[in-house]
Amino acid sequence: MASWFNLTPRTLHRRLVAEGTSYSKILEEVKKSLAASYLSNSKLTIKEISYFLGYEDVRNFRRAFKRWYGVSPSSFRESNSILNIEDK
């Protein structure tokens, strides 16, 4: 990742720390956002979404998702589909 910004890994790390974050925190936030978007706006299966986000085991994705949103991915998708129907 650091090479994309023409930085050494150590310099990237120092800059992220100065901003109060880390590579792993940013990656977690991106995964969280993409997971919600995929569940809300696509017909991909939960297993497909978990693999797209880098989880080799769908159970790990389910645990992470529940930690992020407090509900399972299937419950999130179901409640979002109800909201989308009501908005139309």
N, C-alpha and C. Protein backbone atom coordinates (compact mmCIF):
# COMPACT_ATOMS: atom_id res chain seq x y z
N MET A 1 0.83 -1.19 0.00
CA MET A 1 0.00 0.00 0.00
C MET A 1 0.87 1.25 0.00
N ALA A 2 1.92 1.24 0.77
CA ALA A 2 2.79 2.42 0.88
C ALA A 2 3.37 2.81 -0.48
N SER A 3 3.69 1.83 -1.29
CA SER A 3 4.28 2.12 -2.60
C SER A 3 3.31 2.88 -3.51
N TRP A 4 2.01 2.70 -3.31
CA TRP A 4 1.02 3.45 -4.10
C TRP A 4 1.17 4.95 -3.86
N PHE A 5 1.62 5.30 -2.67
CA PHE A 5 1.78 6.71 -2.31
C PHE A 5 3.24 7.16 -2.37
N ASN A 6 4.10 6.32 -2.95
CA ASN A 6 5.53 6.60 -3.02
C ASN A 6 6.12 6.87 -1.65
N LEU A 7 5.73 6.03 -0.68
CA LEU A 7 6.23 6.13 0.68
C LEU A 7 6.82 4.81 1.10
N THR A 8 7.66 4.85 2.12
CA THR A 8 8.11 3.60 2.72
C THR A 8 7.01 3.15 3.67
N PRO A 9 6.96 1.87 3.97
CA PRO A 9 5.95 1.39 4.92
C PRO A 9 6.04 2.11 6.27
N ARG A 10 7.24 2.38 6.73
CA ARG A 10 7.42 3.06 8.01
C ARG A 10 6.86 4.49 7.96
N THR A 11 7.10 5.21 6.87
CA THR A 11 6.58 6.57 6.74
C THR A 11 5.06 6.57 6.69
N LEU A 12 4.49 5.64 5.94
CA LEU A 12 3.03 5.53 5.91
C LEU A 12 2.49 5.26 7.31
N HIS A 13 3.13 4.36 8.03
CA HIS A 13 2.69 4.04 9.38
C HIS A 13 2.74 5.29 10.27
N ARG A 14 3.84 6.03 10.21
CA ARG A 14 3.97 7.25 11.02
C ARG A 14 2.89 8.27 10.68
N ARG A 15 2.59 8.42 9.40
CA ARG A 15 1.56 9.38 8.99
C ARG A 15 0.17 8.96 9.44
N LEU A 16 -0.10 7.68 9.37
CA LEU A 16 -1.40 7.19 9.83
C LEU A 16 -1.54 7.37 11.35
N VAL A 17 -0.47 7.09 12.08
CA VAL A 17 -0.50 7.29 13.53
C VAL A 17 -0.73 8.77 13.85
N ALA A 18 -0.10 9.65 13.09
CA ALA A 18 -0.28 11.09 13.30
C ALA A 18 -1.73 11.50 13.06
N GLU A 19 -2.43 10.79 12.20
CA GLU A 19 -3.84 11.07 11.92
C GLU A 19 -4.77 10.34 12.89
N GLY A 20 -4.18 9.57 13.80
CA GLY A 20 -4.99 8.85 14.79
C GLY A 20 -5.63 7.59 14.26
N THR A 21 -5.03 6.98 13.27
CA THR A 21 -5.61 5.77 12.69
C THR A 21 -4.50 4.78 12.35
N SER A 22 -4.87 3.70 11.72
CA SER A 22 -3.91 2.69 11.27
C SER A 22 -4.45 2.05 10.01
N TYR A 23 -3.58 1.33 9.33
CA TYR A 23 -3.98 0.64 8.11
C TYR A 23 -5.11 -0.35 8.41
N SER A 24 -4.99 -1.08 9.51
CA SER A 24 -6.02 -2.08 9.83
C SER A 24 -7.36 -1.42 10.16
N LYS A 25 -7.34 -0.26 10.81
CA LYS A 25 -8.60 0.44 11.10
C LYS A 25 -9.26 0.92 9.80
N ILE A 26 -8.47 1.45 8.89
CA ILE A 26 -9.01 1.91 7.61
C ILE A 26 -9.58 0.73 6.83
N LEU A 27 -8.83 -0.36 6.79
CA LEU A 27 -9.29 -1.55 6.07
C LEU A 27 -10.60 -2.06 6.66
N GLU A 28 -10.70 -2.07 7.98
CA GLU A 28 -11.92 -2.51 8.66
C GLU A 28 -13.11 -1.62 8.27
N GLU A 29 -12.90 -0.31 8.24
CA GLU A 29 -13.98 0.61 7.87
C GLU A 29 -14.42 0.42 6.42
N VAL A 30 -13.46 0.18 5.54
CA VAL A 30 -13.80 -0.06 4.13
C VAL A 30 -14.61 -1.35 4.00
N LYS A 31 -14.17 -2.40 4.68
CA LYS A 31 -14.91 -3.67 4.64
C LYS A 31 -16.32 -3.49 5.18
N LYS A 32 -16.44 -2.76 6.28
CA LYS A 32 -17.74 -2.51 6.89
C LYS A 32 -18.67 -1.80 5.92
N SER A 33 -18.17 -0.76 5.30
CA SER A 33 -18.97 0.02 4.35
C SER A 33 -19.35 -0.79 3.12
N LEU A 34 -18.39 -1.52 2.57
CA LEU A 34 -18.68 -2.34 1.39
C LEU A 34 -19.67 -3.45 1.71
N ALA A 35 -19.54 -4.05 2.88
CA ALA A 35 -20.46 -5.13 3.25
C ALA A 35 -21.89 -4.61 3.29
N ALA A 36 -22.09 -3.47 3.92
CA ALA A 36 -23.45 -2.90 4.00
C ALA A 36 -23.96 -2.55 2.61
N SER A 37 -23.10 -1.99 1.78
CA SER A 37 -23.50 -1.62 0.43
C SER A 37 -23.87 -2.85 -0.40
N TYR A 38 -23.03 -3.88 -0.35
CA TYR A 38 -23.31 -5.10 -1.10
C TYR A 38 -24.61 -5.76 -0.64
N LEU A 39 -24.83 -5.78 0.66
CA LEU A 39 -26.06 -6.41 1.18
C LEU A 39 -27.29 -5.60 0.80
N SER A 40 -27.16 -4.29 0.74
CA SER A 40 -28.30 -3.43 0.43
C SER A 40 -28.59 -3.32 -1.06
N ASN A 41 -27.55 -3.38 -1.88
CA ASN A 41 -27.71 -3.01 -3.28
C ASN A 41 -27.35 -4.10 -4.28
N SER A 42 -27.19 -5.33 -3.84
CA SER A 42 -26.84 -6.37 -4.79
C SER A 42 -27.56 -7.66 -4.44
N LYS A 43 -27.49 -8.58 -5.34
CA LYS A 43 -28.08 -9.90 -5.13
C LYS A 43 -27.01 -10.93 -4.80
N LEU A 44 -25.80 -10.46 -4.50
CA LEU A 44 -24.72 -11.38 -4.14
C LEU A 44 -25.10 -12.14 -2.87
N THR A 45 -24.66 -13.38 -2.80
CA THR A 45 -24.91 -14.16 -1.59
C THR A 45 -23.97 -13.66 -0.48
N ILE A 46 -24.31 -13.98 0.74
CA ILE A 46 -23.47 -13.60 1.86
C ILE A 46 -22.10 -14.25 1.73
N LYS A 47 -22.07 -15.45 1.25
CA LYS A 47 -20.80 -16.15 1.05
C LYS A 47 -19.95 -15.42 0.00
N GLU A 48 -20.56 -15.00 -1.10
CA GLU A 48 -19.82 -14.26 -2.13
C GLU A 48 -19.28 -12.94 -1.57
N ILE A 49 -20.09 -12.25 -0.81
CA ILE A 49 -19.67 -10.97 -0.23
C ILE A 49 -18.49 -11.20 0.71
N SER A 50 -18.57 -12.23 1.52
CA SER A 50 -17.48 -12.50 2.46
C SER A 50 -16.18 -12.76 1.73
N TYR A 51 -16.23 -13.51 0.65
CA TYR A 51 -15.01 -13.77 -0.13
C TYR A 51 -14.50 -12.51 -0.82
N PHE A 52 -15.39 -11.69 -1.36
CA PHE A 52 -14.98 -10.42 -1.99
C PHE A 52 -14.25 -9.52 -0.99
N LEU A 53 -14.65 -9.60 0.27
CA LEU A 53 -14.05 -8.76 1.29
C LEU A 53 -12.82 -9.38 1.94
N GLY A 54 -12.44 -10.55 1.47
CA GLY A 54 -11.20 -11.16 1.94
C GLY A 54 -11.33 -12.16 3.07
N TYR A 55 -12.54 -12.58 3.37
CA TYR A 55 -12.75 -13.58 4.42
C TYR A 55 -12.74 -14.96 3.78
N GLU A 56 -11.87 -15.84 4.27
CA GLU A 56 -11.83 -17.19 3.74
C GLU A 56 -12.94 -18.05 4.31
N ASP A 57 -13.43 -17.67 5.47
CA ASP A 57 -14.49 -18.43 6.14
C ASP A 57 -15.67 -17.49 6.38
N VAL A 58 -16.83 -17.84 5.87
CA VAL A 58 -18.01 -16.99 5.98
C VAL A 58 -18.39 -16.76 7.44
N ARG A 59 -18.05 -17.69 8.33
CA ARG A 59 -18.35 -17.50 9.75
C ARG A 59 -17.61 -16.30 10.33
N ASN A 60 -16.38 -16.10 9.89
CA ASN A 60 -15.62 -14.93 10.36
C ASN A 60 -16.26 -13.64 9.88
N PHE A 61 -16.74 -13.65 8.65
CA PHE A 61 -17.44 -12.47 8.13
C PHE A 61 -18.70 -12.20 8.94
N ARG A 62 -19.47 -13.23 9.21
CA ARG A 62 -20.70 -13.06 9.98
C ARG A 62 -20.42 -12.47 11.36
N ARG A 63 -19.36 -12.97 12.02
CA ARG A 63 -18.99 -12.44 13.34
C ARG A 63 -18.59 -10.96 13.25
N ALA A 64 -17.78 -10.63 12.25
CA ALA A 64 -17.35 -9.24 12.08
C ALA A 64 -18.54 -8.35 11.79
N PHE A 65 -19.43 -8.79 10.93
CA PHE A 65 -20.61 -7.99 10.58
C PHE A 65 -21.48 -7.75 11.80
N LYS A 66 -21.67 -8.78 12.60
CA LYS A 66 -22.49 -8.62 13.80
C LYS A 66 -21.82 -7.66 14.79
N ARG A 67 -20.50 -7.67 14.86
CA ARG A 67 -19.78 -6.73 15.71
C ARG A 67 -19.96 -5.30 15.20
N TRP A 68 -19.95 -5.12 13.88
CA TRP A 68 -20.08 -3.78 13.29
C TRP A 68 -21.49 -3.22 13.45
N TYR A 69 -22.49 -4.03 13.14
CA TYR A 69 -23.87 -3.52 13.05
C TYR A 69 -24.82 -4.07 14.10
N GLY A 70 -24.40 -5.06 14.87
CA GLY A 70 -25.26 -5.60 15.92
C GLY A 70 -26.32 -6.57 15.44
N VAL A 71 -26.31 -6.88 14.14
CA VAL A 71 -27.24 -7.85 13.57
C VAL A 71 -26.49 -8.72 12.57
N SER A 72 -27.07 -9.84 12.24
CA SER A 72 -26.45 -10.72 11.25
C SER A 72 -26.59 -10.11 9.85
N PRO A 73 -25.74 -10.53 8.92
CA PRO A 73 -25.87 -10.02 7.55
C PRO A 73 -27.25 -10.29 6.94
N SER A 74 -27.81 -11.46 7.20
CA SER A 74 -29.13 -11.77 6.63
C SER A 74 -30.21 -10.88 7.23
N SER A 75 -30.14 -10.62 8.53
CA SER A 75 -31.11 -9.71 9.16
C SER A 75 -30.96 -8.30 8.62
N PHE A 76 -29.72 -7.87 8.42
CA PHE A 76 -29.46 -6.54 7.86
C PHE A 76 -30.07 -6.43 6.47
N ARG A 77 -29.84 -7.44 5.65
CA ARG A 77 -30.37 -7.43 4.28
C ARG A 77 -31.89 -7.41 4.30
N GLU A 78 -32.48 -8.22 5.16
CA GLU A 78 -33.94 -8.29 5.24
C GLU A 78 -34.53 -6.95 5.68
N SER A 79 -33.96 -6.34 6.70
CA SER A 79 -34.50 -5.06 7.17
C SER A 79 -34.28 -3.96 6.14
N ASN A 80 -33.19 -4.03 5.40
CA ASN A 80 -32.94 -3.04 4.37
C ASN A 80 -33.88 -3.21 3.19
N SER A 81 -34.23 -4.43 2.86
CA SER A 81 -35.16 -4.63 1.74
C SER A 81 -36.54 -4.12 2.11
N ILE A 82 -36.92 -4.24 3.37
CA ILE A 82 -38.20 -3.71 3.83
C ILE A 82 -38.18 -2.19 3.74
N LEU A 83 -37.09 -1.56 4.15
CA LEU A 83 -36.98 -0.10 4.07
C LEU A 83 -37.02 0.38 2.63
N ASN A 84 -36.36 -0.34 1.74
CA ASN A 84 -36.34 0.05 0.32
C ASN A 84 -37.73 -0.05 -0.30
N ILE A 85 -38.50 -1.06 0.11
CA ILE A 85 -39.86 -1.20 -0.41
C ILE A 85 -40.74 -0.05 0.09
N GLU A 86 -40.57 0.30 1.37
CA GLU A 86 -41.37 1.38 1.95
C GLU A 86 -41.04 2.74 1.34
N ASP A 87 -39.79 2.92 0.89
CA ASP A 87 -39.37 4.19 0.29
C ASP A 87 -39.96 4.40 -1.10
N LYS A 88 -40.36 3.33 -1.77
CA LYS A 88 -40.84 3.43 -3.16
C LYS A 88 -42.26 3.84 -3.25
